[in-house]
């Protein structure tokens, strides 16, 4: 597996873990019948933005490591 693939996989797991931990901490359970389409889209957008941010940090860290 390439280093880039490993980083994307790690980023995905980090985001999933943080999201799951946050929801559990606040006692949130997702009942599919109660989540509106607007809320679903908002959540998807937030997760997507968070993934992009994490990927950006990971990429920046990799570039710093490569220059050392």
PDB file of N, CA and C in Angstrom:
ATOM      1  N   UNK A   1       0.848  -1.179   0.000  1.00  0.00           N
ATOM      2  CA  UNK A   1       0.000   0.000   0.000  1.00  0.00           C
ATOM      3  C   UNK A   1       0.890   1.237   0.000  1.00  0.00           C
ATOM      4  N   UNK A   2       0.553   2.219  -0.840  1.00  0.00           N
ATOM      5  CA  UNK A   2       1.369   3.411  -0.920  1.00  0.00           C
ATOM      6  C   UNK A   2       1.190   4.271   0.322  1.00  0.00           C
ATOM      7  N   UNK A   3       2.175   5.127   0.561  1.00  0.00           N
ATOM      8  CA  UNK A   3       2.129   5.996   1.741  1.00  0.00           C
ATOM      9  C   UNK A   3       0.931   6.934   1.667  1.00  0.00           C
ATOM     10  N   UNK A   4       0.605   7.454   0.489  1.00  0.00           N
ATOM     11  CA  UNK A   4      -0.537   8.342   0.312  1.00  0.00           C
ATOM     12  C   UNK A   4      -1.836   7.611   0.638  1.00  0.00           C
ATOM     13  N   UNK A   5      -1.953   6.375   0.173  1.00  0.00           N
ATOM     14  CA  UNK A   5      -3.134   5.559   0.458  1.00  0.00           C
ATOM     15  C   UNK A   5      -3.264   5.307   1.949  1.00  0.00           C
ATOM     16  N   UNK A   6      -2.147   5.040   2.614  1.00  0.00           N
ATOM     17  CA  UNK A   6      -2.152   4.799   4.053  1.00  0.00           C
ATOM     18  C   UNK A   6      -2.605   6.044   4.795  1.00  0.00           C
ATOM     19  N   UNK A   7      -2.138   7.212   4.352  1.00  0.00           N
ATOM     20  CA  UNK A   7      -2.524   8.467   5.009  1.00  0.00           C
ATOM     21  C   UNK A   7      -4.004   8.749   4.826  1.00  0.00           C
ATOM     22  N   UNK A   8      -4.530   8.521   3.618  1.00  0.00           N
ATOM     23  CA  UNK A   8      -5.956   8.735   3.382  1.00  0.00           C
ATOM     24  C   UNK A   8      -6.779   7.786   4.225  1.00  0.00           C
ATOM     25  N   UNK A   9      -6.329   6.543   4.327  1.00  0.00           N
ATOM     26  CA  UNK A   9      -7.024   5.553   5.134  1.00  0.00           C
ATOM     27  C   UNK A   9      -6.985   5.962   6.606  1.00  0.00           C
ATOM     28  N   UNK A  10      -5.837   6.411   7.080  1.00  0.00           N
ATOM     29  CA  UNK A  10      -5.697   6.853   8.463  1.00  0.00           C
ATOM     30  C   UNK A  10      -6.581   8.077   8.717  1.00  0.00           C
ATOM     31  N   UNK A  11      -6.608   9.009   7.783  1.00  0.00           N
ATOM     32  CA  UNK A  11      -7.437  10.202   7.927  1.00  0.00           C
ATOM     33  C   UNK A  11      -8.905   9.829   8.025  1.00  0.00           C
ATOM     34  N   UNK A  12      -9.312   8.897   7.202  1.00  0.00           N
ATOM     35  CA  UNK A  12     -10.701   8.453   7.215  1.00  0.00           C
ATOM     36  C   UNK A  12     -11.051   7.831   8.561  1.00  0.00           C
ATOM     37  N   UNK A  13     -10.153   7.006   9.093  1.00  0.00           N
ATOM     38  CA  UNK A  13     -10.400   6.372  10.387  1.00  0.00           C
ATOM     39  C   UNK A  13     -10.436   7.400  11.510  1.00  0.00           C
ATOM     40  N   UNK A  14      -9.580   8.398  11.444  1.00  0.00           N
ATOM     41  CA  UNK A  14      -9.560   9.450  12.462  1.00  0.00           C
ATOM     42  C   UNK A  14     -10.880  10.209  12.463  1.00  0.00           C
ATOM     43  N   UNK A  15     -11.338  10.592  11.288  1.00  0.00           N
ATOM     44  CA  UNK A  15     -12.594  11.326  11.173  1.00  0.00           C
ATOM     45  C   UNK A  15     -13.748  10.472  11.688  1.00  0.00           C
ATOM     46  N   UNK A  16     -13.792   9.219  11.278  1.00  0.00           N
ATOM     47  CA  UNK A  16     -14.857   8.324  11.731  1.00  0.00           C
ATOM     48  C   UNK A  16     -14.837   8.159  13.248  1.00  0.00           C
ATOM     49  N   UNK A  17     -13.642   7.993  13.807  1.00  0.00           N
ATOM     50  CA  UNK A  17     -13.510   7.829  15.250  1.00  0.00           C
ATOM     51  C   UNK A  17     -13.975   9.075  15.996  1.00  0.00           C
ATOM     52  N   UNK A  18     -13.508  10.240  15.559  1.00  0.00           N
ATOM     53  CA  UNK A  18     -13.882  11.480  16.228  1.00  0.00           C
ATOM     54  C   UNK A  18     -15.384  11.726  16.157  1.00  0.00           C
ATOM     55  N   UNK A  19     -15.960  11.469  15.011  1.00  0.00           N
ATOM     56  CA  UNK A  19     -17.394  11.655  14.848  1.00  0.00           C
ATOM     57  C   UNK A  19     -18.156  10.690  15.751  1.00  0.00           C
ATOM     58  N   UNK A  20     -17.767   9.438  15.746  1.00  0.00           N
ATOM     59  CA  UNK A  20     -18.434   8.435  16.574  1.00  0.00           C
ATOM     60  C   UNK A  20     -18.293   8.770  18.060  1.00  0.00           C
ATOM     61  N   UNK A  21     -17.094   9.145  18.483  1.00  0.00           N
ATOM     62  CA  UNK A  21     -16.860   9.475  19.886  1.00  0.00           C
ATOM     63  C   UNK A  21     -17.680  10.692  20.317  1.00  0.00           C
ATOM     64  N   UNK A  22     -17.760  11.686  19.454  1.00  0.00           N
ATOM     65  CA  UNK A  22     -18.529  12.890  19.771  1.00  0.00           C
ATOM     66  C   UNK A  22     -20.013  12.572  19.903  1.00  0.00           C
ATOM     67  N   UNK A  23     -20.526  11.783  18.975  1.00  0.00           N
ATOM     68  CA  UNK A  23     -21.943  11.415  19.041  1.00  0.00           C
ATOM     69  C   UNK A  23     -22.237  10.599  20.299  1.00  0.00           C
ATOM     70  N   UNK A  24     -21.370   9.649  20.629  1.00  0.00           N
ATOM     71  CA  UNK A  24     -21.568   8.837  21.828  1.00  0.00           C
ATOM     72  C   UNK A  24     -21.494   9.693  23.091  1.00  0.00           C
ATOM     73  N   UNK A  25     -20.550  10.626  23.113  1.00  0.00           N
ATOM     74  CA  UNK A  25     -20.366  11.490  24.280  1.00  0.00           C
ATOM     75  C   UNK A  25     -21.636  12.255  24.601  1.00  0.00           C
ATOM     76  N   UNK A  26     -22.336  12.685  23.578  1.00  0.00           N
ATOM     77  CA  UNK A  26     -23.538  13.485  23.763  1.00  0.00           C
ATOM     78  C   UNK A  26     -24.819  12.651  23.714  1.00  0.00           C
ATOM     79  N   UNK A  27     -24.664  11.336  23.709  1.00  0.00           N
ATOM     80  CA  UNK A  27     -25.812  10.445  23.743  1.00  0.00           C
ATOM     81  C   UNK A  27     -26.681  10.501  22.496  1.00  0.00           C
ATOM     82  N   UNK A  28     -26.072  10.797  21.382  1.00  0.00           N
ATOM     83  CA  UNK A  28     -26.814  10.906  20.132  1.00  0.00           C
ATOM     84  C   UNK A  28     -26.925   9.539  19.473  1.00  0.00           C
ATOM     85  N   UNK A  29     -28.136   9.203  19.091  1.00  0.00           N
ATOM     86  CA  UNK A  29     -28.346   8.018  18.271  1.00  0.00           C
ATOM     87  C   UNK A  29     -29.051   8.469  17.007  1.00  0.00           C
ATOM     88  N   UNK A  30     -28.640   7.912  15.911  1.00  0.00           N
ATOM     89  CA  UNK A  30     -29.215   8.318  14.641  1.00  0.00           C
ATOM     90  C   UNK A  30     -30.377   7.406  14.290  1.00  0.00           C
ATOM     91  N   UNK A  31     -31.544   7.973  14.307  1.00  0.00           N
ATOM     92  CA  UNK A  31     -32.742   7.269  13.891  1.00  0.00           C
ATOM     93  C   UNK A  31     -33.034   7.749  12.480  1.00  0.00           C
ATOM     94  N   UNK A  32     -32.854   6.862  11.512  1.00  0.00           N
ATOM     95  CA  UNK A  32     -32.967   7.261  10.112  1.00  0.00           C
ATOM     96  C   UNK A  32     -34.301   7.910   9.793  1.00  0.00           C
ATOM     97  N   UNK A  33     -35.333   7.549  10.507  1.00  0.00           N
ATOM     98  CA  UNK A  33     -36.651   8.125  10.223  1.00  0.00           C
ATOM     99  C   UNK A  33     -36.782   9.547  10.749  1.00  0.00           C
ATOM    100  N   UNK A  34     -35.890   9.957  11.648  1.00  0.00           N
ATOM    101  CA  UNK A  34     -35.990  11.286  12.251  1.00  0.00           C
ATOM    102  C   UNK A  34     -34.970  12.289  11.707  1.00  0.00           C
ATOM    103  N   UNK A  35     -34.062  11.848  10.860  1.00  0.00           N
ATOM    104  CA  UNK A  35     -33.041  12.737  10.317  1.00  0.00           C
ATOM    105  C   UNK A  35     -33.539  13.257   8.969  1.00  0.00           C
ATOM    106  N   UNK A  36     -33.697  14.580   8.907  1.00  0.00           N
ATOM    107  CA  UNK A  36     -34.207  15.172   7.671  1.00  0.00           C
ATOM    108  C   UNK A  36     -33.128  15.152   6.587  1.00  0.00           C
ATOM    109  N   UNK A  37     -33.569  15.294   5.358  1.00  0.00           N
ATOM    110  CA  UNK A  37     -32.624  15.326   4.234  1.00  0.00           C
ATOM    111  C   UNK A  37     -31.669  16.514   4.364  1.00  0.00           C
ATOM    112  N   UNK A  38     -32.174  17.634   4.850  1.00  0.00           N
ATOM    113  CA  UNK A  38     -31.329  18.820   5.046  1.00  0.00           C
ATOM    114  C   UNK A  38     -30.238  18.532   6.067  1.00  0.00           C
ATOM    115  N   UNK A  39     -30.617  17.888   7.175  1.00  0.00           N
ATOM    116  CA  UNK A  39     -29.632  17.547   8.203  1.00  0.00           C
ATOM    117  C   UNK A  39     -28.609  16.549   7.674  1.00  0.00           C
ATOM    118  N   UNK A  40     -29.048  15.586   6.877  1.00  0.00           N
ATOM    119  CA  UNK A  40     -28.130  14.617   6.290  1.00  0.00           C
ATOM    120  C   UNK A  40     -27.105  15.314   5.405  1.00  0.00           C
ATOM    121  N   UNK A  41     -27.574  16.232   4.583  1.00  0.00           N
ATOM    122  CA  UNK A  41     -26.663  16.964   3.696  1.00  0.00           C
ATOM    123  C   UNK A  41     -25.694  17.825   4.504  1.00  0.00           C
ATOM    124  N   UNK A  42     -26.183  18.449   5.561  1.00  0.00           N
ATOM    125  CA  UNK A  42     -25.324  19.273   6.418  1.00  0.00           C
ATOM    126  C   UNK A  42     -24.242  18.414   7.052  1.00  0.00           C
ATOM    127  N   UNK A  43     -24.617  17.259   7.573  1.00  0.00           N
ATOM    128  CA  UNK A  43     -23.635  16.350   8.171  1.00  0.00           C
ATOM    129  C   UNK A  43     -22.612  15.876   7.147  1.00  0.00           C
ATOM    130  N   UNK A  44     -23.080  15.519   5.959  1.00  0.00           N
ATOM    131  CA  UNK A  44     -22.162  15.075   4.907  1.00  0.00           C
ATOM    132  C   UNK A  44     -21.177  16.183   4.549  1.00  0.00           C
ATOM    133  N   UNK A  45     -21.664  17.413   4.454  1.00  0.00           N
ATOM    134  CA  UNK A  45     -20.792  18.543   4.128  1.00  0.00           C
ATOM    135  C   UNK A  45     -19.748  18.762   5.221  1.00  0.00           C
ATOM    136  N   UNK A  46     -20.185  18.688   6.486  1.00  0.00           N
ATOM    137  CA  UNK A  46     -19.255  18.889   7.596  1.00  0.00           C
ATOM    138  C   UNK A  46     -18.177  17.815   7.599  1.00  0.00           C
ATOM    139  N   UNK A  47     -18.565  16.567   7.408  1.00  0.00           N
ATOM    140  CA  UNK A  47     -17.595  15.473   7.394  1.00  0.00           C
ATOM    141  C   UNK A  47     -16.641  15.629   6.211  1.00  0.00           C
ATOM    142  N   UNK A  48     -17.178  16.021   5.071  1.00  0.00           N
ATOM    143  CA  UNK A  48     -16.341  16.220   3.889  1.00  0.00           C
ATOM    144  C   UNK A  48     -15.307  17.325   4.131  1.00  0.00           C
ATOM    145  N   UNK A  49     -15.746  18.429   4.698  1.00  0.00           N
ATOM    146  CA  UNK A  49     -14.818  19.534   4.988  1.00  0.00           C
ATOM    147  C   UNK A  49     -13.772  19.115   6.010  1.00  0.00           C
ATOM    148  N   UNK A  50     -14.200  18.375   7.031  1.00  0.00           N
ATOM    149  CA  UNK A  50     -13.258  17.911   8.037  1.00  0.00           C
ATOM    150  C   UNK A  50     -12.233  16.968   7.419  1.00  0.00           C
ATOM    151  N   UNK A  51     -12.674  16.092   6.544  1.00  0.00           N
ATOM    152  CA  UNK A  51     -11.744  15.181   5.859  1.00  0.00           C
ATOM    153  C   UNK A  51     -10.732  15.956   5.033  1.00  0.00           C
ATOM    154  N   UNK A  52     -11.207  16.983   4.318  1.00  0.00           N
ATOM    155  CA  UNK A  52     -10.295  17.793   3.510  1.00  0.00           C
ATOM    156  C   UNK A  52      -9.263  18.482   4.398  1.00  0.00           C
ATOM    157  N   UNK A  53      -9.711  18.994   5.547  1.00  0.00           N
ATOM    158  CA  UNK A  53      -8.787  19.650   6.469  1.00  0.00           C
ATOM    159  C   UNK A  53      -7.749  18.668   7.000  1.00  0.00           C
ATOM    160  N   UNK A  54      -8.201  17.489   7.397  1.00  0.00           N
ATOM    161  CA  UNK A  54      -7.283  16.471   7.908  1.00  0.00           C
ATOM    162  C   UNK A  54      -6.315  16.047   6.813  1.00  0.00           C
ATOM    163  N   UNK A  55      -6.828  15.843   5.602  1.00  0.00           N
ATOM    164  CA  UNK A  55      -5.956  15.469   4.483  1.00  0.00           C
ATOM    165  C   UNK A  55      -4.924  16.559   4.215  1.00  0.00           C
ATOM    166  N   UNK A  56      -5.330  17.816   4.319  1.00  0.00           N
ATOM    167  CA  UNK A  56      -4.402  18.925   4.114  1.00  0.00           C
ATOM    168  C   UNK A  56      -3.301  18.934   5.154  1.00  0.00           C
ATOM    169  N   UNK A  57      -3.660  18.681   6.400  1.00  0.00           N
ATOM    170  CA  UNK A  57      -2.662  18.631   7.468  1.00  0.00           C
ATOM    171  C   UNK A  57      -1.716  17.457   7.238  1.00  0.00           C
ATOM    172  N   UNK A  58      -2.285  16.311   6.874  1.00  0.00           N
ATOM    173  CA  UNK A  58      -1.449  15.134   6.623  1.00  0.00           C
ATOM    174  C   UNK A  58      -0.497  15.384   5.460  1.00  0.00           C
ATOM    175  N   UNK A  59      -0.998  16.017   4.398  1.00  0.00           N
ATOM    176  CA  UNK A  59      -0.159  16.309   3.239  1.00  0.00           C
ATOM    177  C   UNK A  59       0.949  17.276   3.625  1.00  0.00           C
ATOM    178  N   UNK A  60       0.613  18.287   4.402  1.00  0.00           N
ATOM    179  CA  UNK A  60       1.603  19.258   4.848  1.00  0.00           C
ATOM    180  C   UNK A  60       2.685  18.583   5.688  1.00  0.00           C
ATOM    181  N   UNK A  61       2.257  17.703   6.587  1.00  0.00           N
ATOM    182  CA  UNK A  61       3.218  16.978   7.418  1.00  0.00           C
ATOM    183  C   UNK A  61       4.118  16.084   6.572  1.00  0.00           C
ATOM    184  N   UNK A  62       3.540  15.438   5.564  1.00  0.00           N
ATOM    185  CA  UNK A  62       4.344  14.578   4.688  1.00  0.00           C
ATOM    186  C   UNK A  62       5.369  15.384   3.914  1.00  0.00           C
ATOM    187  N   UNK A  63       4.968  16.554   3.444  1.00  0.00           N
ATOM    188  CA  UNK A  63       5.896  17.403   2.695  1.00  0.00           C
ATOM    189  C   UNK A  63       7.018  17.885   3.593  1.00  0.00           C
ATOM    190  N   UNK A  64       6.704  18.194   4.841  1.00  0.00           N
ATOM    191  CA  UNK A  64       7.744  18.611   5.796  1.00  0.00           C
ATOM    192  C   UNK A  64       8.707  17.467   6.070  1.00  0.00           C
ATOM    193  N   UNK A  65       8.160  16.251   6.220  1.00  0.00           N
ATOM    194  CA  UNK A  65       9.004  15.079   6.468  1.00  0.00           C
ATOM    195  C   UNK A  65       9.926  14.803   5.299  1.00  0.00           C
ATOM    196  N   UNK A  66       9.435  14.993   4.088  1.00  0.00           N
ATOM    197  CA  UNK A  66      10.227  14.727   2.896  1.00  0.00           C
ATOM    198  C   UNK A  66      11.356  15.736   2.711  1.00  0.00           C
ATOM    199  N   UNK A  67      11.182  16.947   3.214  1.00  0.00           N
ATOM    200  CA  UNK A  67      12.202  17.973   3.052  1.00  0.00           C
ATOM    201  C   UNK A  67      13.306  17.860   4.103  1.00  0.00           C
ATOM    202  N   UNK A  68      13.077  17.040   5.115  1.00  0.00           N
ATOM    203  CA  UNK A  68      14.081  16.894   6.173  1.00  0.00           C
ATOM    204  C   UNK A  68      15.152  15.933   5.773  1.00  0.00           C
TER     205      UNK A  68
END
